[in-house]
Amino acid sequence: MQYRFSRTLLFLLAGPIIWAGHFVFIYAVHGLTCARPAPHGAWAGLPLSSWIILGASLLALISMSLIYLRLRKRMPHIDNPRFLPWLAGTLSLLSALAIIWETIPVLLLPACG
């Protein structure tokens, strides 16, 4: 029973866990890029750090959706079998919105401004 509980809990919290990892990663990339006096290369009008953050955002969104699509049918049966997948989907959707919200400034503001 404990294995099933931990697996279910990880499924429910997959979105927020991925969001938290993304949050730490993009702030670390941005902080390291702005703290170093090295020249910042640009491609298509965006610095390398912005491309790294955009790639991390895309990777986080794809991994969140793949985890949800793969595990939504493997949830344990409870009184309402649609509740746990709905809850996991809602948490993943909120986490996806948070990831998008964190990524928007990369496109609108200068990298170390």
PDB file of N, CA and C in Angstrom:
ATOM      1  N   MET A   1       0.817  -1.190   0.000  1.00  0.00           N
ATOM      2  CA  MET A   1       0.000   0.000   0.000  1.00  0.00           C
ATOM      3  C   MET A   1       0.868   1.265   0.000  1.00  0.00           C
ATOM      4  N   GLN A   2       2.015   1.227   0.687  1.00  0.00           N
ATOM      5  CA  GLN A   2       2.864   2.402   0.750  1.00  0.00           C
ATOM      6  C   GLN A   2       3.443   2.739  -0.623  1.00  0.00           C
ATOM      7  N   TYR A   3       3.817   1.731  -1.405  1.00  0.00           N
ATOM      8  CA  TYR A   3       4.338   1.974  -2.741  1.00  0.00           C
ATOM      9  C   TYR A   3       3.290   2.672  -3.588  1.00  0.00           C
ATOM     10  N   ARG A   4       2.083   2.224  -3.482  1.00  0.00           N
ATOM     11  CA  ARG A   4       1.017   2.812  -4.267  1.00  0.00           C
ATOM     12  C   ARG A   4       0.775   4.267  -3.847  1.00  0.00           C
ATOM     13  N   PHE A   5       0.840   4.533  -2.542  1.00  0.00           N
ATOM     14  CA  PHE A   5       0.649   5.896  -2.061  1.00  0.00           C
ATOM     15  C   PHE A   5       1.748   6.822  -2.567  1.00  0.00           C
ATOM     16  N   SER A   6       2.996   6.399  -2.478  1.00  0.00           N
ATOM     17  CA  SER A   6       4.097   7.257  -2.914  1.00  0.00           C
ATOM     18  C   SER A   6       4.051   7.483  -4.417  1.00  0.00           C
ATOM     19  N   ARG A   7       3.690   6.470  -5.173  1.00  0.00           N
ATOM     20  CA  ARG A   7       3.576   6.619  -6.619  1.00  0.00           C
ATOM     21  C   ARG A   7       2.443   7.581  -6.972  1.00  0.00           C
ATOM     22  N   THR A   8       1.332   7.454  -6.284  1.00  0.00           N
ATOM     23  CA  THR A   8       0.206   8.346  -6.517  1.00  0.00           C
ATOM     24  C   THR A   8       0.565   9.776  -6.134  1.00  0.00           C
ATOM     25  N   LEU A   9       1.249   9.939  -5.017  1.00  0.00           N
ATOM     26  CA  LEU A   9       1.643  11.272  -4.576  1.00  0.00           C
ATOM     27  C   LEU A   9       2.611  11.915  -5.565  1.00  0.00           C
ATOM     28  N   LEU A  10       3.568  11.148  -6.069  1.00  0.00           N
ATOM     29  CA  LEU A  10       4.495  11.693  -7.065  1.00  0.00           C
ATOM     30  C   LEU A  10       3.773  12.070  -8.349  1.00  0.00           C
ATOM     31  N   PHE A  11       2.773  11.278  -8.741  1.00  0.00           N
ATOM     32  CA  PHE A  11       1.994  11.608  -9.926  1.00  0.00           C
ATOM     33  C   PHE A  11       1.230  12.914  -9.707  1.00  0.00           C
ATOM     34  N   LEU A  12       0.619  13.054  -8.537  1.00  0.00           N
ATOM     35  CA  LEU A  12      -0.142  14.264  -8.253  1.00  0.00           C
ATOM     36  C   LEU A  12       0.752  15.503  -8.216  1.00  0.00           C
ATOM     37  N   LEU A  13       1.963  15.355  -7.711  1.00  0.00           N
ATOM     38  CA  LEU A  13       2.860  16.490  -7.542  1.00  0.00           C
ATOM     39  C   LEU A  13       3.900  16.630  -8.653  1.00  0.00           C
ATOM     40  N   ALA A  14       3.759  15.871  -9.729  1.00  0.00           N
ATOM     41  CA  ALA A  14       4.743  15.939 -10.817  1.00  0.00           C
ATOM     42  C   ALA A  14       4.821  17.343 -11.407  1.00  0.00           C
ATOM     43  N   GLY A  15       3.695  17.970 -11.647  1.00  0.00           N
ATOM     44  CA  GLY A  15       3.692  19.325 -12.199  1.00  0.00           C
ATOM     45  C   GLY A  15       4.385  20.324 -11.298  1.00  0.00           C
ATOM     46  N   PRO A  16       3.981  20.429 -10.016  1.00  0.00           N
ATOM     47  CA  PRO A  16       4.672  21.368  -9.135  1.00  0.00           C
ATOM     48  C   PRO A  16       6.155  21.048  -8.922  1.00  0.00           C
ATOM     49  N   ILE A  17       6.527  19.777  -8.919  1.00  0.00           N
ATOM     50  CA  ILE A  17       7.949  19.412  -8.760  1.00  0.00           C
ATOM     51  C   ILE A  17       8.746  19.870  -9.975  1.00  0.00           C
ATOM     52  N   ILE A  18       8.201  19.660 -11.167  1.00  0.00           N
ATOM     53  CA  ILE A  18       8.883  20.102 -12.389  1.00  0.00           C
ATOM     54  C   ILE A  18       8.958  21.629 -12.414  1.00  0.00           C
ATOM     55  N   TRP A  19       7.887  22.297 -12.008  1.00  0.00           N
ATOM     56  CA  TRP A  19       7.900  23.755 -11.963  1.00  0.00           C
ATOM     57  C   TRP A  19       8.983  24.255 -10.998  1.00  0.00           C
ATOM     58  N   ALA A  20       9.090  23.646  -9.821  1.00  0.00           N
ATOM     59  CA  ALA A  20      10.087  24.077  -8.837  1.00  0.00           C
ATOM     60  C   ALA A  20      11.503  23.884  -9.392  1.00  0.00           C
ATOM     61  N   GLY A  21      11.751  22.753 -10.045  1.00  0.00           N
ATOM     62  CA  GLY A  21      13.058  22.530 -10.659  1.00  0.00           C
ATOM     63  C   GLY A  21      13.352  23.544 -11.753  1.00  0.00           C
ATOM     64  N   HIS A  22      12.351  23.854 -12.548  1.00  0.00           N
ATOM     65  CA  HIS A  22      12.496  24.858 -13.603  1.00  0.00           C
ATOM     66  C   HIS A  22      12.794  26.228 -13.001  1.00  0.00           C
ATOM     67  N   PHE A  23      12.087  26.580 -11.939  1.00  0.00           N
ATOM     68  CA  PHE A  23      12.276  27.861 -11.273  1.00  0.00           C
ATOM     69  C   PHE A  23      13.708  28.011 -10.787  1.00  0.00           C
ATOM     70  N   VAL A  24      14.212  27.009 -10.103  1.00  0.00           N
ATOM     71  CA  VAL A  24      15.589  27.058  -9.590  1.00  0.00           C
ATOM     72  C   VAL A  24      16.592  27.124 -10.740  1.00  0.00           C
ATOM     73  N   PHE A  25      16.351  26.337 -11.778  1.00  0.00           N
ATOM     74  CA  PHE A  25      17.282  26.289 -12.905  1.00  0.00           C
ATOM     75  C   PHE A  25      17.364  27.627 -13.629  1.00  0.00           C
ATOM     76  N   ILE A  26      16.220  28.238 -13.946  1.00  0.00           N
ATOM     77  CA  ILE A  26      16.291  29.476 -14.738  1.00  0.00           C
ATOM     78  C   ILE A  26      16.891  30.624 -13.931  1.00  0.00           C
ATOM     79  N   TYR A  27      16.628  30.663 -12.640  1.00  0.00           N
ATOM     80  CA  TYR A  27      17.237  31.718 -11.843  1.00  0.00           C
ATOM     81  C   TYR A  27      18.726  31.481 -11.654  1.00  0.00           C
ATOM     82  N   ALA A  28      19.145  30.247 -11.602  1.00  0.00           N
ATOM     83  CA  ALA A  28      20.579  29.941 -11.523  1.00  0.00           C
ATOM     84  C   ALA A  28      21.273  30.329 -12.823  1.00  0.00           C
ATOM     85  N   VAL A  29      20.678  29.991 -13.961  1.00  0.00           N
ATOM     86  CA  VAL A  29      21.269  30.344 -15.257  1.00  0.00           C
ATOM     87  C   VAL A  29      21.355  31.861 -15.392  1.00  0.00           C
ATOM     88  N   HIS A  30      20.279  32.528 -15.049  1.00  0.00           N
ATOM     89  CA  HIS A  30      20.269  33.986 -15.176  1.00  0.00           C
ATOM     90  C   HIS A  30      21.276  34.630 -14.219  1.00  0.00           C
ATOM     91  N   GLY A  31      21.330  34.152 -13.003  1.00  0.00           N
ATOM     92  CA  GLY A  31      22.267  34.705 -12.030  1.00  0.00           C
ATOM     93  C   GLY A  31      23.708  34.485 -12.429  1.00  0.00           C
ATOM     94  N   LEU A  32      24.034  33.290 -12.879  1.00  0.00           N
ATOM     95  CA  LEU A  32      25.415  33.015 -13.304  1.00  0.00           C
ATOM     96  C   LEU A  32      25.794  33.809 -14.543  1.00  0.00           C
ATOM     97  N   THR A  33      24.861  33.958 -15.464  1.00  0.00           N
ATOM     98  CA  THR A  33      25.151  34.710 -16.684  1.00  0.00           C
ATOM     99  C   THR A  33      25.398  36.177 -16.379  1.00  0.00           C
ATOM    100  N   CYS A  34      24.599  36.745 -15.515  1.00  0.00           N
ATOM    101  CA  CYS A  34      24.742  38.172 -15.214  1.00  0.00           C
ATOM    102  C   CYS A  34      25.891  38.451 -14.247  1.00  0.00           C
ATOM    103  N   ALA A  35      26.304  37.479 -13.477  1.00  0.00           N
ATOM    104  CA  ALA A  35      27.390  37.684 -12.516  1.00  0.00           C
ATOM    105  C   ALA A  35      28.769  37.602 -13.167  1.00  0.00           C
ATOM    106  N   ARG A  36      28.884  36.913 -14.273  1.00  0.00           N
ATOM    107  CA  ARG A  36      30.170  36.748 -14.951  1.00  0.00           C
ATOM    108  C   ARG A  36      30.380  37.863 -15.959  1.00  0.00           C
ATOM    109  N   PRO A  37      31.564  38.455 -15.985  1.00  0.00           N
ATOM    110  CA  PRO A  37      31.811  39.545 -16.938  1.00  0.00           C
ATOM    111  C   PRO A  37      32.158  39.058 -18.346  1.00  0.00           C
ATOM    112  N   ALA A  38      31.973  37.798 -18.611  1.00  0.00           N
ATOM    113  CA  ALA A  38      32.302  37.256 -19.934  1.00  0.00           C
ATOM    114  C   ALA A  38      31.354  37.838 -20.978  1.00  0.00           C
ATOM    115  N   PRO A  39      31.800  37.912 -22.223  1.00  0.00           N
ATOM    116  CA  PRO A  39      30.914  38.430 -23.272  1.00  0.00           C
ATOM    117  C   PRO A  39      29.714  37.490 -23.475  1.00  0.00           C
ATOM    118  N   HIS A  40      28.592  38.086 -23.709  1.00  0.00           N
ATOM    119  CA  HIS A  40      27.362  37.314 -23.901  1.00  0.00           C
ATOM    120  C   HIS A  40      27.053  37.261 -25.390  1.00  0.00           C
ATOM    121  N   GLY A  41      27.110  36.073 -25.961  1.00  0.00           N
ATOM    122  CA  GLY A  41      26.800  35.909 -27.364  1.00  0.00           C
ATOM    123  C   GLY A  41      25.296  36.006 -27.600  1.00  0.00           C
ATOM    124  N   ALA A  42      24.925  36.485 -28.771  1.00  0.00           N
ATOM    125  CA  ALA A  42      23.505  36.612 -29.105  1.00  0.00           C
ATOM    126  C   ALA A  42      23.239  35.892 -30.418  1.00  0.00           C
ATOM    127  N   TRP A  43      22.076  35.327 -30.504  1.00  0.00           N
ATOM    128  CA  TRP A  43      21.633  34.680 -31.730  1.00  0.00           C
ATOM    129  C   TRP A  43      20.172  35.035 -31.933  1.00  0.00           C
ATOM    130  N   ALA A  44      19.830  35.552 -33.073  1.00  0.00           N
ATOM    131  CA  ALA A  44      18.465  35.972 -33.408  1.00  0.00           C
ATOM    132  C   ALA A  44      17.952  37.008 -32.408  1.00  0.00           C
ATOM    133  N   GLY A  45      18.841  37.859 -31.936  1.00  0.00           N
ATOM    134  CA  GLY A  45      18.432  38.936 -31.043  1.00  0.00           C
ATOM    135  C   GLY A  45      18.306  38.565 -29.576  1.00  0.00           C
ATOM    136  N   LEU A  46      18.545  37.310 -29.230  1.00  0.00           N
ATOM    137  CA  LEU A  46      18.462  36.874 -27.831  1.00  0.00           C
ATOM    138  C   LEU A  46      19.806  36.321 -27.379  1.00  0.00           C
ATOM    139  N   PRO A  47      20.210  36.620 -26.151  1.00  0.00           N
ATOM    140  CA  PRO A  47      21.477  36.057 -25.651  1.00  0.00           C
ATOM    141  C   PRO A  47      21.356  34.559 -25.400  1.00  0.00           C
ATOM    142  N   LEU A  48      22.488  33.933 -25.248  1.00  0.00           N
ATOM    143  CA  LEU A  48      22.533  32.483 -25.043  1.00  0.00           C
ATOM    144  C   LEU A  48      21.749  32.061 -23.806  1.00  0.00           C
ATOM    145  N   SER A  49      21.819  32.850 -22.742  1.00  0.00           N
ATOM    146  CA  SER A  49      21.093  32.492 -21.520  1.00  0.00           C
ATOM    147  C   SER A  49      19.587  32.466 -21.767  1.00  0.00           C
ATOM    148  N   SER A  50      19.083  33.355 -22.600  1.00  0.00           N
ATOM    149  CA  SER A  50      17.651  33.349 -22.914  1.00  0.00           C
ATOM    150  C   SER A  50      17.270  32.098 -23.692  1.00  0.00           C
ATOM    151  N   TRP A  51      18.129  31.671 -24.595  1.00  0.00           N
ATOM    152  CA  TRP A  51      17.849  30.438 -25.348  1.00  0.00           C
ATOM    153  C   TRP A  51      17.861  29.225 -24.417  1.00  0.00           C
ATOM    154  N   ILE A  52      18.776  29.220 -23.466  1.00  0.00           N
ATOM    155  CA  ILE A  52      18.822  28.117 -22.496  1.00  0.00           C
ATOM    156  C   ILE A  52      17.539  28.093 -21.676  1.00  0.00           C
ATOM    157  N   ILE A  53      17.080  29.256 -21.235  1.00  0.00           N
ATOM    158  CA  ILE A  53      15.845  29.334 -20.447  1.00  0.00           C
ATOM    159  C   ILE A  53      14.639  28.925 -21.284  1.00  0.00           C
ATOM    160  N   LEU A  54      14.579  29.355 -22.530  1.00  0.00           N
ATOM    161  CA  LEU A  54      13.475  28.945 -23.404  1.00  0.00           C
ATOM    162  C   LEU A  54      13.475  27.433 -23.627  1.00  0.00           C
ATOM    163  N   GLY A  55      14.662  26.862 -23.817  1.00  0.00           N
ATOM    164  CA  GLY A  55      14.755  25.405 -23.977  1.00  0.00           C
ATOM    165  C   GLY A  55      14.331  24.663 -22.724  1.00  0.00           C
ATOM    166  N   ALA A  56      14.737  25.173 -21.560  1.00  0.00           N
ATOM    167  CA  ALA A  56      14.344  24.544 -20.301  1.00  0.00           C
ATOM    168  C   ALA A  56      12.830  24.636 -20.094  1.00  0.00           C
ATOM    169  N   SER A  57      12.250  25.743 -20.499  1.00  0.00           N
ATOM    170  CA  SER A  57      10.798  25.898 -20.371  1.00  0.00           C
ATOM    171  C   SER A  57      10.067  24.916 -21.267  1.00  0.00           C
ATOM    172  N   LEU A  58      10.523  24.799 -22.491  1.00  0.00           N
ATOM    173  CA  LEU A  58       9.899  23.850 -23.409  1.00  0.00           C
ATOM    174  C   LEU A  58      10.054  22.420 -22.908  1.00  0.00           C
ATOM    175  N   LEU A  59      11.219  22.074 -22.423  1.00  0.00           N
ATOM    176  CA  LEU A  59      11.457  20.740 -21.874  1.00  0.00           C
ATOM    177  C   LEU A  59      10.567  20.460 -20.666  1.00  0.00           C
ATOM    178  N   ALA A  60      10.405  21.447 -19.792  1.00  0.00           N
ATOM    179  CA  ALA A  60       9.558  21.273 -18.611  1.00  0.00           C
ATOM    180  C   ALA A  60       8.095  21.068 -19.012  1.00  0.00           C
ATOM    181  N   LEU A  61       7.612  21.845 -19.973  1.00  0.00           N
ATOM    182  CA  LEU A  61       6.220  21.703 -20.409  1.00  0.00           C
ATOM    183  C   LEU A  61       5.973  20.348 -21.081  1.00  0.00           C
ATOM    184  N   ILE A  62       6.901  19.919 -21.897  1.00  0.00           N
ATOM    185  CA  ILE A  62       6.751  18.625 -22.571  1.00  0.00           C
ATOM    186  C   ILE A  62       6.806  17.479 -21.569  1.00  0.00           C
ATOM    187  N   SER A  63       7.749  17.528 -20.636  1.00  0.00           N
ATOM    188  CA  SER A  63       7.854  16.437 -19.663  1.00  0.00           C
ATOM    189  C   SER A  63       6.630  16.382 -18.754  1.00  0.00           C
ATOM    190  N   MET A  64       6.092  17.531 -18.383  1.00  0.00           N
ATOM    191  CA  MET A  64       4.898  17.558 -17.549  1.00  0.00           C
ATOM    192  C   MET A  64       3.704  16.925 -18.273  1.00  0.00           C
ATOM    193  N   SER A  65       3.541  17.266 -19.541  1.00  0.00           N
ATOM    194  CA  SER A  65       2.411  16.705 -20.279  1.00  0.00           C
ATOM    195  C   SER A  65       2.595  15.215 -20.554  1.00  0.00           C
ATOM    196  N   LEU A  66       3.813  14.774 -20.819  1.00  0.00           N
ATOM    197  CA  LEU A  66       4.034  13.346 -21.054  1.00  0.00           C
ATOM    198  C   LEU A  66       3.801  12.512 -19.799  1.00  0.00           C
ATOM    199  N   ILE A  67       4.248  13.018 -18.661  1.00  0.00           N
ATOM    200  CA  ILE A  67       4.014  12.299 -17.398  1.00  0.00           C
ATOM    201  C   ILE A  67       2.523  12.193 -17.135  1.00  0.00           C
ATOM    202  N   TYR A  68       1.796  13.281 -17.335  1.00  0.00           N
ATOM    203  CA  TYR A  68       0.355  13.244 -17.092  1.00  0.00           C
ATOM    204  C   TYR A  68      -0.344  12.274 -18.048  1.00  0.00           C
ATOM    205  N   LEU A  69      -0.025  12.354 -19.337  1.00  0.00           N
ATOM    206  CA  LEU A  69      -0.697  11.492 -20.310  1.00  0.00           C
ATOM    207  C   LEU A  69      -0.383  10.013 -20.089  1.00  0.00           C
ATOM    208  N   ARG A  70       0.819   9.727 -19.628  1.00  0.00           N
ATOM    209  CA  ARG A  70       1.193   8.330 -19.416  1.00  0.00           C
ATOM    210  C   ARG A  70       0.584   7.723 -18.150  1.00  0.00           C
ATOM    211  N   LEU A  71       0.518   8.497 -17.072  1.00  0.00           N
ATOM    212  CA  LEU A  71       0.127   7.932 -15.786  1.00  0.00           C
ATOM    213  C   LEU A  71      -1.330   8.176 -15.391  1.00  0.00           C
ATOM    214  N   ARG A  72      -2.095   8.917 -16.161  1.00  0.00           N
ATOM    215  CA  ARG A  72      -3.458   9.237 -15.729  1.00  0.00           C
ATOM    216  C   ARG A  72      -4.377   8.027 -15.656  1.00  0.00           C
ATOM    217  N   LYS A  73      -4.112   7.017 -16.440  1.00  0.00           N
ATOM    218  CA  LYS A  73      -4.966   5.821 -16.416  1.00  0.00           C
ATOM    219  C   LYS A  73      -4.484   4.765 -15.430  1.00  0.00           C
ATOM    220  N   ARG A  74      -3.350   4.982 -14.799  1.00  0.00           N
ATOM    221  CA  ARG A  74      -2.783   4.009 -13.865  1.00  0.00           C
ATOM    222  C   ARG A  74      -3.025   4.370 -12.403  1.00  0.00           C
ATOM    223  N   MET A  75      -3.922   5.265 -12.164  1.00  0.00           N
ATOM    224  CA  MET A  75      -4.208   5.678 -10.790  1.00  0.00           C
ATOM    225  C   MET A  75      -5.033   4.619 -10.061  1.00  0.00           C
ATOM    226  N   PRO A  76      -4.856   4.517  -8.756  1.00  0.00           N
ATOM    227  CA  PRO A  76      -5.652   3.553  -7.994  1.00  0.00           C
ATOM    228  C   PRO A  76      -7.123   3.961  -8.006  1.00  0.00           C
ATOM    229  N   HIS A  77      -7.980   2.956  -7.922  1.00  0.00           N
ATOM    230  CA  HIS A  77      -9.417   3.216  -7.940  1.00  0.00           C
ATOM    231  C   HIS A  77      -9.889   3.629  -6.557  1.00  0.00           C
ATOM    232  N   ILE A  78     -10.563   4.746  -6.516  1.00  0.00           N
ATOM    233  CA  ILE A  78     -11.165   5.239  -5.287  1.00  0.00           C
ATOM    234  C   ILE A  78     -12.651   5.422  -5.566  1.00  0.00           C
ATOM    235  N   ASP A  79     -13.376   6.029  -4.654  1.00  0.00           N
ATOM    236  CA  ASP A  79     -14.811   6.213  -4.850  1.00  0.00           C
ATOM    237  C   ASP A  79     -15.122   6.953  -6.143  1.00  0.00           C
ATOM    238  N   ASN A  80     -14.370   7.989  -6.431  1.00  0.00           N
ATOM    239  CA  ASN A  80     -14.532   8.729  -7.676  1.00  0.00           C
ATOM    240  C   ASN A  80     -13.261   8.542  -8.496  1.00  0.00           C
ATOM    241  N   PRO A  81     -13.259   7.638  -9.483  1.00  0.00           N
ATOM    242  CA  PRO A  81     -12.018   7.313 -10.194  1.00  0.00           C
ATOM    243  C   PRO A  81     -11.469   8.455 -11.037  1.00  0.00           C
ATOM    244  N   ARG A  82     -12.250   9.499 -11.285  1.00  0.00           N
ATOM    245  CA  ARG A  82     -11.766  10.605 -12.094  1.00  0.00           C
ATOM    246  C   ARG A  82     -11.129  11.718 -11.256  1.00  0.00           C
ATOM    247  N   PHE A  83     -11.221  11.634  -9.936  1.00  0.00           N
ATOM    248  CA  PHE A  83     -10.735  12.735  -9.095  1.00  0.00           C
ATOM    249  C   PHE A  83      -9.221  12.883  -9.128  1.00  0.00           C
ATOM    250  N   LEU A  84      -8.479  11.804  -8.922  1.00  0.00           N
ATOM    251  CA  LEU A  84      -7.017  11.901  -8.891  1.00  0.00           C
ATOM    252  C   LEU A  84      -6.435  12.365 -10.227  1.00  0.00           C
ATOM    253  N   PRO A  85      -6.876  11.822 -11.374  1.00  0.00           N
ATOM    254  CA  PRO A  85      -6.375  12.373 -12.634  1.00  0.00           C
ATOM    255  C   PRO A  85      -6.756  13.840 -12.841  1.00  0.00           C
ATOM    256  N   TRP A  86      -7.961  14.226 -12.396  1.00  0.00           N
ATOM    257  CA  TRP A  86      -8.370  15.623 -12.517  1.00  0.00           C
ATOM    258  C   TRP A  86      -7.463  16.518 -11.667  1.00  0.00           C
ATOM    259  N   LEU A  87      -7.190  16.084 -10.438  1.00  0.00           N
ATOM    260  CA  LEU A  87      -6.335  16.866  -9.540  1.00  0.00           C
ATOM    261  C   LEU A  87      -4.922  16.990 -10.109  1.00  0.00           C
ATOM    262  N   ALA A  88      -4.379  15.897 -10.608  1.00  0.00           N
ATOM    263  CA  ALA A  88      -3.035  15.937 -11.193  1.00  0.00           C
ATOM    264  C   ALA A  88      -3.011  16.832 -12.429  1.00  0.00           C
ATOM    265  N   GLY A  89      -4.047  16.751 -13.242  1.00  0.00           N
ATOM    266  CA  GLY A  89      -4.125  17.610 -14.424  1.00  0.00           C
ATOM    267  C   GLY A  89      -4.235  19.077 -14.068  1.00  0.00           C
ATOM    268  N   THR A  90      -5.025  19.390 -13.041  1.00  0.00           N
ATOM    269  CA  THR A  90      -5.173  20.772 -12.605  1.00  0.00           C
ATOM    270  C   THR A  90      -3.860  21.322 -12.046  1.00  0.00           C
ATOM    271  N   LEU A  91      -3.175  20.537 -11.232  1.00  0.00           N
ATOM    272  CA  LEU A  91      -1.881  20.978 -10.698  1.00  0.00           C
ATOM    273  C   LEU A  91      -0.846  21.151 -11.812  1.00  0.00           C
ATOM    274  N   SER A  92      -0.883  20.254 -12.796  1.00  0.00           N
ATOM    275  CA  SER A  92       0.042  20.377 -13.930  1.00  0.00           C
ATOM    276  C   SER A  92      -0.283  21.608 -14.767  1.00  0.00           C
ATOM    277  N   LEU A  93      -1.562  21.889 -14.949  1.00  0.00           N
ATOM    278  CA  LEU A  93      -1.948  23.072 -15.710  1.00  0.00           C
ATOM    279  C   LEU A  93      -1.530  24.358 -14.996  1.00  0.00           C
ATOM    280  N   LEU A  94      -1.736  24.416 -13.693  1.00  0.00           N
ATOM    281  CA  LEU A  94      -1.293  25.584 -12.933  1.00  0.00           C
ATOM    282  C   LEU A  94       0.233  25.730 -12.985  1.00  0.00           C
ATOM    283  N   SER A  95       0.925  24.619 -12.927  1.00  0.00           N
ATOM    284  CA  SER A  95       2.391  24.656 -13.007  1.00  0.00           C
ATOM    285  C   SER A  95       2.844  25.089 -14.398  1.00  0.00           C
ATOM    286  N   ALA A  96       2.137  24.657 -15.436  1.00  0.00           N
ATOM    287  CA  ALA A  96       2.469  25.072 -16.799  1.00  0.00           C
ATOM    288  C   ALA A  96       2.256  26.572 -16.965  1.00  0.00           C
ATOM    289  N   LEU A  97       1.192  27.090 -16.386  1.00  0.00           N
ATOM    290  CA  LEU A  97       0.971  28.539 -16.442  1.00  0.00           C
ATOM    291  C   LEU A  97       2.076  29.293 -15.710  1.00  0.00           C
ATOM    292  N   ALA A  98       2.542  28.751 -14.581  1.00  0.00           N
ATOM    293  CA  ALA A  98       3.644  29.375 -13.847  1.00  0.00           C
ATOM    294  C   ALA A  98       4.928  29.360 -14.677  1.00  0.00           C
ATOM    295  N   ILE A  99       5.183  28.272 -15.377  1.00  0.00           N
ATOM    296  CA  ILE A  99       6.378  28.182 -16.224  1.00  0.00           C
ATOM    297  C   ILE A  99       6.303  29.199 -17.354  1.00  0.00           C
ATOM    298  N   ILE A 100       5.139  29.317 -17.975  1.00  0.00           N
ATOM    299  CA  ILE A 100       4.969  30.301 -19.046  1.00  0.00           C
ATOM    300  C   ILE A 100       5.133  31.717 -18.495  1.00  0.00           C
ATOM    301  N   TRP A 101       4.576  31.978 -17.325  1.00  0.00           N
ATOM    302  CA  TRP A 101       4.680  33.292 -16.695  1.00  0.00           C
ATOM    303  C   TRP A 101       6.141  33.638 -16.382  1.00  0.00           C
ATOM    304  N   GLU A 102       6.921  32.654 -15.973  1.00  0.00           N
ATOM    305  CA  GLU A 102       8.340  32.894 -15.692  1.00  0.00           C
ATOM    306  C   GLU A 102       9.150  33.095 -16.967  1.00  0.00           C
ATOM    307  N   THR A 103       8.682  32.571 -18.082  1.00  0.00           N
ATOM    308  CA  THR A 103       9.432  32.621 -19.325  1.00  0.00           C
ATOM    309  C   THR A 103       9.157  33.896 -20.116  1.00  0.00           C
ATOM    310  N   ILE A 104       8.015  34.510 -19.927  1.00  0.00           N
ATOM    311  CA  ILE A 104       7.649  35.710 -20.682  1.00  0.00           C
ATOM    312  C   ILE A 104       8.680  36.834 -20.534  1.00  0.00           C
ATOM    313  N   PRO A 105       9.216  37.126 -19.344  1.00  0.00           N
ATOM    314  CA  PRO A 105      10.211  38.210 -19.244  1.00  0.00           C
ATOM    315  C   PRO A 105      11.465  37.973 -20.080  1.00  0.00           C
ATOM    316  N   VAL A 106      11.784  36.740 -20.383  1.00  0.00           N
ATOM    317  CA  VAL A 106      12.957  36.449 -21.223  1.00  0.00           C
ATOM    318  C   VAL A 106      12.786  37.085 -22.590  1.00  0.00           C
ATOM    319  N   LEU A 107      11.560  37.125 -23.075  1.00  0.00           N
ATOM    320  CA  LEU A 107      11.299  37.680 -24.398  1.00  0.00           C
ATOM    321  C   LEU A 107      11.085  39.198 -24.377  1.00  0.00           C
ATOM    322  N   LEU A 108      10.734  39.741 -23.221  1.00  0.00           N
ATOM    323  CA  LEU A 108      10.368  41.154 -23.162  1.00  0.00           C
ATOM    324  C   LEU A 108      11.450  42.072 -22.597  1.00  0.00           C
ATOM    325  N   LEU A 109      12.324  41.553 -21.753  1.00  0.00           N
ATOM    326  CA  LEU A 109      13.302  42.383 -21.053  1.00  0.00           C
ATOM    327  C   LEU A 109      14.718  42.027 -21.478  1.00  0.00           C
ATOM    328  N   PRO A 110      15.651  42.976 -21.355  1.00  0.00           N
ATOM    329  CA  PRO A 110      17.049  42.641 -21.640  1.00  0.00           C
ATOM    330  C   PRO A 110      17.581  41.632 -20.627  1.00  0.00           C
ATOM    331  N   ALA A 111      18.557  40.862 -21.036  1.00  0.00           N
ATOM    332  CA  ALA A 111      19.032  39.735 -20.222  1.00  0.00           C
ATOM    333  C   ALA A 111      19.521  40.155 -18.844  1.00  0.00           C
ATOM    334  N   CYS A 112      20.352  41.120 -18.743  1.00  0.00           N
ATOM    335  CA  CYS A 112      20.906  41.506 -17.447  1.00  0.00           C
ATOM    336  C   CYS A 112      20.604  42.980 -17.154  1.00  0.00           C
ATOM    337  N   GLY A 113      19.426  43.398 -17.512  1.00  0.00           N
ATOM    338  CA  GLY A 113      19.093  44.814 -17.378  1.00  0.00           C
ATOM    339  C   GLY A 113      18.513  45.225 -16.118  1.00  0.00           C
TER     340      GLY A 113
END
